Amino acid sequence: MTWIITSYALAIAASTQVWGKHSDLQLTWRWIFYVNVPFGLLCLLGTVVGVNVPMRPKATQVRIDYLGAVLLTAAVVCLTLVTGGAGTTYSWRSGLILGLCTVVVVATAALVYVERRAPEPLVPFRMLLLGPDTNPVLASLVASSLVR
């Protein structure tokens, strides 16, 4: 997790320099797709070579948490609609926004309830417990939410 946070910080620091050079060269917007191909291939190679994922035994039955997926999707979609439309297209006190906020709260509460009891949860809450990797993740979440 520390590597992810470090690479995120380096990407933010380097992006200013890269985009400054981009504007000096007067390249088109298509250039960004071409420049990312070597980086994507390098990341793919690093993942294939460096990540050792243990394989499950063939006899293990996998349970897909469909209810958790539906609840997570409902909460995220409604939250996106609230943040995109409230205060601009719709009033904060409009029935649509208040209804969407209600769905977000209910779907999130139901998601927590379902995921805590699921044998193979979509969102394992044990990864959110305060551990050595949680503080950088929370700091990154707060920092990225403040950037706009």
N, C-alpha and C. Protein backbone atom coordinates (compact mmCIF):
# COMPACT_ATOMS: atom_id res chain seq x y z
N MET A 1 0.84 -1.19 0.00
CA MET A 1 0.00 0.00 0.00
C MET A 1 0.88 1.25 0.00
N THR A 2 2.01 1.16 0.64
CA THR A 2 2.91 2.30 0.68
C THR A 2 3.40 2.63 -0.73
N TRP A 3 3.61 1.60 -1.55
CA TRP A 3 4.05 1.83 -2.92
C TRP A 3 2.98 2.58 -3.72
N ILE A 4 1.74 2.26 -3.48
CA ILE A 4 0.65 2.92 -4.19
C ILE A 4 0.60 4.39 -3.83
N ILE A 5 0.69 4.68 -2.53
CA ILE A 5 0.64 6.06 -2.08
C ILE A 5 1.85 6.84 -2.60
N THR A 6 3.02 6.21 -2.58
CA THR A 6 4.22 6.87 -3.07
C THR A 6 4.13 7.15 -4.57
N SER A 7 3.65 6.18 -5.34
CA SER A 7 3.55 6.41 -6.78
C SER A 7 2.49 7.46 -7.08
N TYR A 8 1.44 7.51 -6.28
CA TYR A 8 0.42 8.54 -6.46
C TYR A 8 1.01 9.93 -6.21
N ALA A 9 1.78 10.06 -5.16
CA ALA A 9 2.41 11.35 -4.85
C ALA A 9 3.40 11.76 -5.95
N LEU A 10 4.17 10.80 -6.45
CA LEU A 10 5.12 11.11 -7.52
C LEU A 10 4.40 11.49 -8.81
N ALA A 11 3.27 10.83 -9.09
CA ALA A 11 2.51 11.16 -10.29
C ALA A 11 1.96 12.58 -10.21
N ILE A 12 1.50 12.97 -9.04
CA ILE A 12 0.98 14.34 -8.87
C ILE A 12 2.11 15.35 -9.05
N ALA A 13 3.27 15.05 -8.46
CA ALA A 13 4.39 15.98 -8.56
C ALA A 13 4.92 16.08 -9.99
N ALA A 14 4.94 14.97 -10.71
CA ALA A 14 5.50 14.97 -12.06
C ALA A 14 4.51 15.50 -13.09
N SER A 15 3.23 15.43 -12.81
CA SER A 15 2.24 15.82 -13.82
C SER A 15 2.36 17.29 -14.21
N THR A 16 2.70 18.13 -13.27
CA THR A 16 2.85 19.55 -13.58
C THR A 16 3.96 19.77 -14.59
N GLN A 17 5.07 19.10 -14.38
CA GLN A 17 6.19 19.23 -15.31
C GLN A 17 5.85 18.65 -16.68
N VAL A 18 5.20 17.50 -16.69
CA VAL A 18 4.86 16.86 -17.96
C VAL A 18 3.89 17.72 -18.75
N TRP A 19 2.86 18.24 -18.10
CA TRP A 19 1.89 19.05 -18.82
C TRP A 19 2.47 20.39 -19.23
N GLY A 20 3.44 20.89 -18.48
CA GLY A 20 4.11 22.12 -18.91
C GLY A 20 4.88 21.90 -20.20
N LYS A 21 5.58 20.78 -20.29
CA LYS A 21 6.31 20.45 -21.53
C LYS A 21 5.32 20.17 -22.65
N HIS A 22 4.19 19.55 -22.33
CA HIS A 22 3.16 19.24 -23.32
C HIS A 22 2.64 20.52 -23.97
N SER A 23 2.41 21.53 -23.15
CA SER A 23 1.90 22.78 -23.71
C SER A 23 2.97 23.51 -24.51
N ASP A 24 4.23 23.36 -24.15
CA ASP A 24 5.31 23.98 -24.92
C ASP A 24 5.46 23.34 -26.30
N LEU A 25 5.26 22.02 -26.38
CA LEU A 25 5.40 21.31 -27.64
C LEU A 25 4.17 21.45 -28.54
N GLN A 26 3.08 21.93 -28.00
CA GLN A 26 1.82 22.11 -28.71
C GLN A 26 1.36 20.82 -29.39
N LEU A 27 1.30 19.74 -28.60
CA LEU A 27 0.84 18.46 -29.10
C LEU A 27 -0.68 18.39 -29.00
N THR A 28 -1.27 17.52 -29.77
CA THR A 28 -2.74 17.38 -29.74
C THR A 28 -3.13 16.51 -28.55
N TRP A 29 -4.42 16.43 -28.30
CA TRP A 29 -4.93 15.65 -27.18
C TRP A 29 -4.71 14.16 -27.38
N ARG A 30 -4.54 13.71 -28.61
CA ARG A 30 -4.32 12.28 -28.88
C ARG A 30 -2.96 11.81 -28.34
N TRP A 31 -2.05 12.75 -28.14
CA TRP A 31 -0.71 12.43 -27.69
C TRP A 31 -0.73 11.71 -26.35
N ILE A 32 -1.68 12.05 -25.48
CA ILE A 32 -1.71 11.46 -24.14
C ILE A 32 -1.95 9.95 -24.20
N PHE A 33 -2.69 9.49 -25.21
CA PHE A 33 -2.92 8.05 -25.33
C PHE A 33 -1.66 7.34 -25.79
N TYR A 34 -0.90 7.97 -26.68
CA TYR A 34 0.33 7.34 -27.17
C TYR A 34 1.41 7.29 -26.10
N VAL A 35 1.51 8.32 -25.28
CA VAL A 35 2.55 8.35 -24.26
C VAL A 35 2.25 7.36 -23.14
N ASN A 36 1.00 7.01 -22.94
CA ASN A 36 0.65 6.08 -21.87
C ASN A 36 0.83 4.61 -22.25
N VAL A 37 0.98 4.30 -23.53
CA VAL A 37 1.15 2.91 -23.95
C VAL A 37 2.42 2.30 -23.36
N PRO A 38 3.60 2.93 -23.45
CA PRO A 38 4.79 2.31 -22.84
C PRO A 38 4.67 2.17 -21.32
N PHE A 39 4.06 3.18 -20.67
CA PHE A 39 3.89 3.07 -19.22
C PHE A 39 2.93 1.94 -18.86
N GLY A 40 1.88 1.78 -19.63
CA GLY A 40 0.94 0.68 -19.39
C GLY A 40 1.59 -0.68 -19.58
N LEU A 41 2.40 -0.81 -20.63
CA LEU A 41 3.10 -2.07 -20.85
C LEU A 41 4.12 -2.34 -19.75
N LEU A 42 4.79 -1.30 -19.29
CA LEU A 42 5.75 -1.46 -18.19
C LEU A 42 5.04 -1.89 -16.90
N CYS A 43 3.90 -1.29 -16.63
CA CYS A 43 3.13 -1.68 -15.44
C CYS A 43 2.60 -3.11 -15.56
N LEU A 44 2.16 -3.49 -16.75
CA LEU A 44 1.69 -4.85 -16.97
C LEU A 44 2.82 -5.85 -16.76
N LEU A 45 4.00 -5.54 -17.27
CA LEU A 45 5.15 -6.41 -17.08
C LEU A 45 5.52 -6.52 -15.60
N GLY A 46 5.52 -5.38 -14.91
CA GLY A 46 5.83 -5.41 -13.48
C GLY A 46 4.82 -6.21 -12.68
N THR A 47 3.56 -6.14 -13.08
CA THR A 47 2.53 -6.91 -12.38
C THR A 47 2.70 -8.40 -12.64
N VAL A 48 2.94 -8.76 -13.88
CA VAL A 48 3.09 -10.18 -14.22
C VAL A 48 4.32 -10.77 -13.54
N VAL A 49 5.42 -10.02 -13.52
CA VAL A 49 6.66 -10.54 -12.95
C VAL A 49 6.68 -10.43 -11.42
N GLY A 50 6.17 -9.33 -10.88
CA GLY A 50 6.36 -9.05 -9.46
C GLY A 50 5.26 -9.49 -8.52
N VAL A 51 4.07 -9.78 -9.03
CA VAL A 51 2.96 -10.12 -8.14
C VAL A 51 2.75 -11.63 -8.16
N ASN A 52 2.82 -12.22 -7.00
CA ASN A 52 2.60 -13.65 -6.87
C ASN A 52 1.27 -13.87 -6.16
N VAL A 53 0.26 -14.22 -6.93
CA VAL A 53 -1.07 -14.44 -6.37
C VAL A 53 -1.28 -15.93 -6.20
N PRO A 54 -1.54 -16.37 -4.96
CA PRO A 54 -1.77 -17.81 -4.78
C PRO A 54 -3.09 -18.22 -5.45
N MET A 55 -3.05 -19.35 -6.11
CA MET A 55 -4.24 -19.86 -6.80
C MET A 55 -5.12 -20.63 -5.83
N ARG A 56 -6.43 -20.55 -6.02
CA ARG A 56 -7.36 -21.33 -5.22
C ARG A 56 -7.37 -22.77 -5.72
N PRO A 57 -7.63 -23.68 -4.80
CA PRO A 57 -7.82 -25.05 -5.26
C PRO A 57 -9.05 -25.13 -6.17
N LYS A 58 -9.02 -26.03 -7.14
CA LYS A 58 -10.10 -26.15 -8.10
C LYS A 58 -11.42 -26.54 -7.44
N ALA A 59 -11.38 -27.27 -6.34
CA ALA A 59 -12.59 -27.76 -5.71
C ALA A 59 -13.31 -26.69 -4.89
N THR A 60 -12.69 -25.55 -4.66
CA THR A 60 -13.29 -24.51 -3.84
C THR A 60 -14.45 -23.85 -4.57
N GLN A 61 -15.58 -23.81 -3.93
CA GLN A 61 -16.76 -23.17 -4.49
C GLN A 61 -16.72 -21.68 -4.18
N VAL A 62 -16.84 -20.83 -5.18
CA VAL A 62 -16.81 -19.40 -5.00
C VAL A 62 -18.24 -18.89 -4.92
N ARG A 63 -18.52 -18.08 -3.91
CA ARG A 63 -19.84 -17.48 -3.76
C ARG A 63 -19.76 -16.01 -4.15
N ILE A 64 -20.55 -15.63 -5.11
CA ILE A 64 -20.56 -14.24 -5.56
C ILE A 64 -21.60 -13.49 -4.74
N ASP A 65 -21.21 -12.36 -4.23
CA ASP A 65 -22.08 -11.54 -3.39
C ASP A 65 -22.89 -10.59 -4.27
N TYR A 66 -23.97 -11.12 -4.86
CA TYR A 66 -24.80 -10.32 -5.76
C TYR A 66 -25.52 -9.20 -5.02
N LEU A 67 -26.02 -9.49 -3.84
CA LEU A 67 -26.75 -8.47 -3.08
C LEU A 67 -25.81 -7.32 -2.70
N GLY A 68 -24.59 -7.62 -2.30
CA GLY A 68 -23.62 -6.58 -1.99
C GLY A 68 -23.29 -5.74 -3.21
N ALA A 69 -23.18 -6.38 -4.38
CA ALA A 69 -22.88 -5.65 -5.61
C ALA A 69 -24.03 -4.70 -5.98
N VAL A 70 -25.26 -5.17 -5.81
CA VAL A 70 -26.43 -4.33 -6.12
C VAL A 70 -26.50 -3.15 -5.16
N LEU A 71 -26.29 -3.40 -3.87
CA LEU A 71 -26.36 -2.32 -2.89
C LEU A 71 -25.24 -1.31 -3.08
N LEU A 72 -24.02 -1.78 -3.36
CA LEU A 72 -22.91 -0.87 -3.59
C LEU A 72 -23.16 -0.02 -4.84
N THR A 73 -23.66 -0.65 -5.89
CA THR A 73 -23.96 0.08 -7.12
C THR A 73 -25.04 1.14 -6.88
N ALA A 74 -26.09 0.76 -6.15
CA ALA A 74 -27.16 1.71 -5.87
C ALA A 74 -26.64 2.90 -5.06
N ALA A 75 -25.83 2.63 -4.05
CA ALA A 75 -25.31 3.73 -3.22
C ALA A 75 -24.40 4.65 -4.02
N VAL A 76 -23.51 4.08 -4.83
CA VAL A 76 -22.57 4.90 -5.59
C VAL A 76 -23.28 5.70 -6.68
N VAL A 77 -24.21 5.07 -7.39
CA VAL A 77 -24.93 5.78 -8.46
C VAL A 77 -25.75 6.93 -7.87
N CYS A 78 -26.47 6.67 -6.79
CA CYS A 78 -27.28 7.73 -6.18
C CYS A 78 -26.40 8.85 -5.62
N LEU A 79 -25.27 8.50 -5.02
CA LEU A 79 -24.36 9.53 -4.51
C LEU A 79 -23.80 10.37 -5.65
N THR A 80 -23.50 9.73 -6.77
CA THR A 80 -23.02 10.46 -7.94
C THR A 80 -24.09 11.41 -8.47
N LEU A 81 -25.33 10.95 -8.51
CA LEU A 81 -26.42 11.81 -8.97
C LEU A 81 -26.64 12.98 -8.02
N VAL A 82 -26.52 12.74 -6.72
CA VAL A 82 -26.68 13.82 -5.74
C VAL A 82 -25.58 14.86 -5.91
N THR A 83 -24.35 14.41 -5.97
CA THR A 83 -23.25 15.37 -6.06
C THR A 83 -23.21 16.09 -7.40
N GLY A 84 -23.74 15.47 -8.43
CA GLY A 84 -23.75 16.11 -9.74
C GLY A 84 -24.90 17.07 -9.95
N GLY A 85 -26.03 16.83 -9.30
CA GLY A 85 -27.20 17.65 -9.57
C GLY A 85 -27.65 18.57 -8.47
N ALA A 86 -27.25 18.29 -7.24
CA ALA A 86 -27.72 19.10 -6.12
C ALA A 86 -27.04 20.46 -6.12
N GLY A 87 -27.84 21.49 -5.98
CA GLY A 87 -27.31 22.85 -5.92
C GLY A 87 -27.13 23.49 -7.27
N THR A 88 -27.12 22.71 -8.34
CA THR A 88 -26.98 23.29 -9.68
C THR A 88 -28.27 23.09 -10.48
N THR A 89 -28.57 21.85 -10.81
CA THR A 89 -29.78 21.56 -11.58
C THR A 89 -31.00 21.51 -10.68
N TYR A 90 -30.84 20.92 -9.51
CA TYR A 90 -31.94 20.76 -8.56
C TYR A 90 -31.56 21.42 -7.24
N SER A 91 -32.57 21.87 -6.52
CA SER A 91 -32.36 22.46 -5.21
C SER A 91 -31.99 21.35 -4.22
N TRP A 92 -31.23 21.72 -3.20
CA TRP A 92 -30.87 20.74 -2.17
C TRP A 92 -32.12 20.23 -1.44
N ARG A 93 -33.17 21.00 -1.43
CA ARG A 93 -34.39 20.62 -0.73
C ARG A 93 -35.43 19.98 -1.65
N SER A 94 -35.07 19.73 -2.89
CA SER A 94 -36.04 19.12 -3.81
C SER A 94 -36.27 17.67 -3.42
N GLY A 95 -37.42 17.18 -3.79
CA GLY A 95 -37.78 15.81 -3.45
C GLY A 95 -36.84 14.79 -4.08
N LEU A 96 -36.38 15.07 -5.29
CA LEU A 96 -35.48 14.14 -5.96
C LEU A 96 -34.16 14.01 -5.21
N ILE A 97 -33.57 15.12 -4.82
CA ILE A 97 -32.28 15.08 -4.12
C ILE A 97 -32.44 14.46 -2.74
N LEU A 98 -33.49 14.82 -2.03
CA LEU A 98 -33.71 14.22 -0.71
C LEU A 98 -33.98 12.72 -0.82
N GLY A 99 -34.70 12.32 -1.86
CA GLY A 99 -34.94 10.90 -2.08
C GLY A 99 -33.65 10.15 -2.40
N LEU A 100 -32.81 10.75 -3.24
CA LEU A 100 -31.53 10.12 -3.57
C LEU A 100 -30.63 10.04 -2.34
N CYS A 101 -30.64 11.08 -1.50
CA CYS A 101 -29.86 11.04 -0.26
C CYS A 101 -30.35 9.92 0.65
N THR A 102 -31.66 9.75 0.71
CA THR A 102 -32.23 8.67 1.51
C THR A 102 -31.79 7.31 0.98
N VAL A 103 -31.82 7.15 -0.34
CA VAL A 103 -31.38 5.88 -0.93
C VAL A 103 -29.90 5.63 -0.63
N VAL A 104 -29.08 6.68 -0.67
CA VAL A 104 -27.65 6.51 -0.37
C VAL A 104 -27.47 6.01 1.06
N VAL A 105 -28.16 6.63 2.01
CA VAL A 105 -28.01 6.25 3.41
C VAL A 105 -28.52 4.83 3.64
N VAL A 106 -29.71 4.52 3.11
CA VAL A 106 -30.30 3.19 3.31
C VAL A 106 -29.46 2.12 2.62
N ALA A 107 -29.03 2.37 1.38
CA ALA A 107 -28.23 1.38 0.65
C ALA A 107 -26.88 1.16 1.33
N THR A 108 -26.28 2.21 1.86
CA THR A 108 -25.00 2.06 2.55
C THR A 108 -25.17 1.28 3.85
N ALA A 109 -26.22 1.59 4.60
CA ALA A 109 -26.47 0.85 5.84
C ALA A 109 -26.76 -0.62 5.54
N ALA A 110 -27.55 -0.88 4.51
CA ALA A 110 -27.84 -2.26 4.12
C ALA A 110 -26.58 -2.96 3.62
N LEU A 111 -25.72 -2.23 2.92
CA LEU A 111 -24.47 -2.81 2.44
C LEU A 111 -23.59 -3.24 3.61
N VAL A 112 -23.48 -2.39 4.60
CA VAL A 112 -22.68 -2.74 5.79
C VAL A 112 -23.27 -3.97 6.47
N TYR A 113 -24.58 -4.00 6.61
CA TYR A 113 -25.24 -5.14 7.25
C TYR A 113 -25.00 -6.43 6.47
N VAL A 114 -25.18 -6.38 5.16
CA VAL A 114 -25.04 -7.57 4.32
C VAL A 114 -23.59 -8.03 4.25
N GLU A 115 -22.67 -7.08 4.09
CA GLU A 115 -21.27 -7.45 3.92
C GLU A 115 -20.66 -8.02 5.20
N ARG A 116 -21.14 -7.61 6.34
CA ARG A 116 -20.61 -8.16 7.60
C ARG A 116 -21.03 -9.61 7.80
N ARG A 117 -22.08 -10.03 7.11
CA ARG A 117 -22.57 -11.39 7.27
C ARG A 117 -22.31 -12.28 6.06
N ALA A 118 -21.77 -11.74 5.00
CA ALA A 118 -21.52 -12.50 3.78
C ALA A 118 -20.31 -13.41 3.96
N PRO A 119 -20.37 -14.65 3.44
CA PRO A 119 -19.21 -15.54 3.55
C PRO A 119 -18.01 -15.04 2.74
N GLU A 120 -18.26 -14.48 1.58
CA GLU A 120 -17.20 -13.88 0.77
C GLU A 120 -17.66 -12.48 0.37
N PRO A 121 -17.43 -11.49 1.24
CA PRO A 121 -17.97 -10.15 0.98
C PRO A 121 -17.28 -9.45 -0.19
N LEU A 122 -18.05 -8.62 -0.84
CA LEU A 122 -17.51 -7.78 -1.92
C LEU A 122 -16.56 -6.74 -1.34
N VAL A 123 -16.91 -6.18 -0.20
CA VAL A 123 -16.09 -5.20 0.50
C VAL A 123 -15.75 -5.79 1.87
N PRO A 124 -14.58 -6.43 2.02
CA PRO A 124 -14.22 -6.96 3.33
C PRO A 124 -13.84 -5.82 4.28
N PHE A 125 -14.64 -5.63 5.32
CA PHE A 125 -14.43 -4.50 6.21
C PHE A 125 -13.19 -4.63 7.08
N ARG A 126 -12.63 -5.82 7.17
CA ARG A 126 -11.40 -5.97 7.95
C ARG A 126 -10.25 -5.20 7.32
N MET A 127 -10.34 -4.92 5.99
CA MET A 127 -9.27 -4.15 5.36
C MET A 127 -9.39 -2.67 5.70
N LEU A 128 -10.52 -2.24 6.26
CA LEU A 128 -10.71 -0.86 6.64
C LEU A 128 -10.35 -0.59 8.09
N LEU A 129 -10.02 -1.63 8.84
CA LEU A 129 -9.61 -1.43 10.23
C LEU A 129 -8.31 -0.65 10.28
N LEU A 130 -8.14 0.09 11.35
CA LEU A 130 -6.92 0.90 11.46
C LEU A 130 -5.71 -0.01 11.58
N GLY A 131 -4.92 0.00 10.56
CA GLY A 131 -3.70 -0.79 10.51
C GLY A 131 -2.59 0.07 9.96
N PRO A 132 -1.46 -0.54 9.64
CA PRO A 132 -0.33 0.26 9.16
C PRO A 132 -0.58 0.92 7.80
N ASP A 133 -1.49 0.37 6.99
CA ASP A 133 -1.74 0.93 5.68
C ASP A 133 -2.95 1.84 5.63
N THR A 134 -3.71 1.94 6.70
CA THR A 134 -4.95 2.70 6.67
C THR A 134 -4.72 4.20 6.70
N ASN A 135 -3.80 4.66 7.51
CA ASN A 135 -3.57 6.10 7.63
C ASN A 135 -3.17 6.75 6.31
N PRO A 136 -2.24 6.17 5.50
CA PRO A 136 -1.94 6.78 4.20
C PRO A 136 -3.15 6.75 3.26
N VAL A 137 -3.95 5.69 3.34
CA VAL A 137 -5.12 5.60 2.48
C VAL A 137 -6.12 6.69 2.85
N LEU A 138 -6.36 6.87 4.14
CA LEU A 138 -7.28 7.92 4.57
C LEU A 138 -6.74 9.30 4.23
N ALA A 139 -5.45 9.50 4.38
CA ALA A 139 -4.85 10.79 4.03
C ALA A 139 -4.98 11.05 2.54
N SER A 140 -4.78 10.03 1.73
CA SER A 140 -4.94 10.19 0.28
C SER A 140 -6.38 10.46 -0.08
N LEU A 141 -7.32 9.82 0.60
CA LEU A 141 -8.74 10.05 0.34
C LEU A 141 -9.11 11.49 0.66
N VAL A 142 -8.65 11.97 1.80
CA VAL A 142 -8.96 13.36 2.19
C VAL A 142 -8.30 14.34 1.23
N ALA A 143 -7.03 14.09 0.88
CA ALA A 143 -6.32 15.00 -0.02
C ALA A 143 -6.95 15.03 -1.40
N SER A 144 -7.36 13.88 -1.91
CA SER A 144 -7.95 13.86 -3.25
C SER A 144 -9.36 14.46 -3.25
N SER A 145 -10.05 14.39 -2.12
CA SER A 145 -11.39 14.99 -2.07
C SER A 145 -11.31 16.51 -1.98
N LEU A 146 -10.19 17.05 -1.51
CA LEU A 146 -10.04 18.50 -1.40
C LEU A 146 -9.57 19.15 -2.70
N VAL A 147 -9.04 18.36 -3.62
CA VAL A 147 -8.52 18.90 -4.87
C VAL A 147 -9.68 19.13 -5.83
N ARG A 148 -9.83 20.33 -6.30
CA ARG A 148 -10.87 20.62 -7.28
C ARG A 148 -10.66 21.95 -7.89
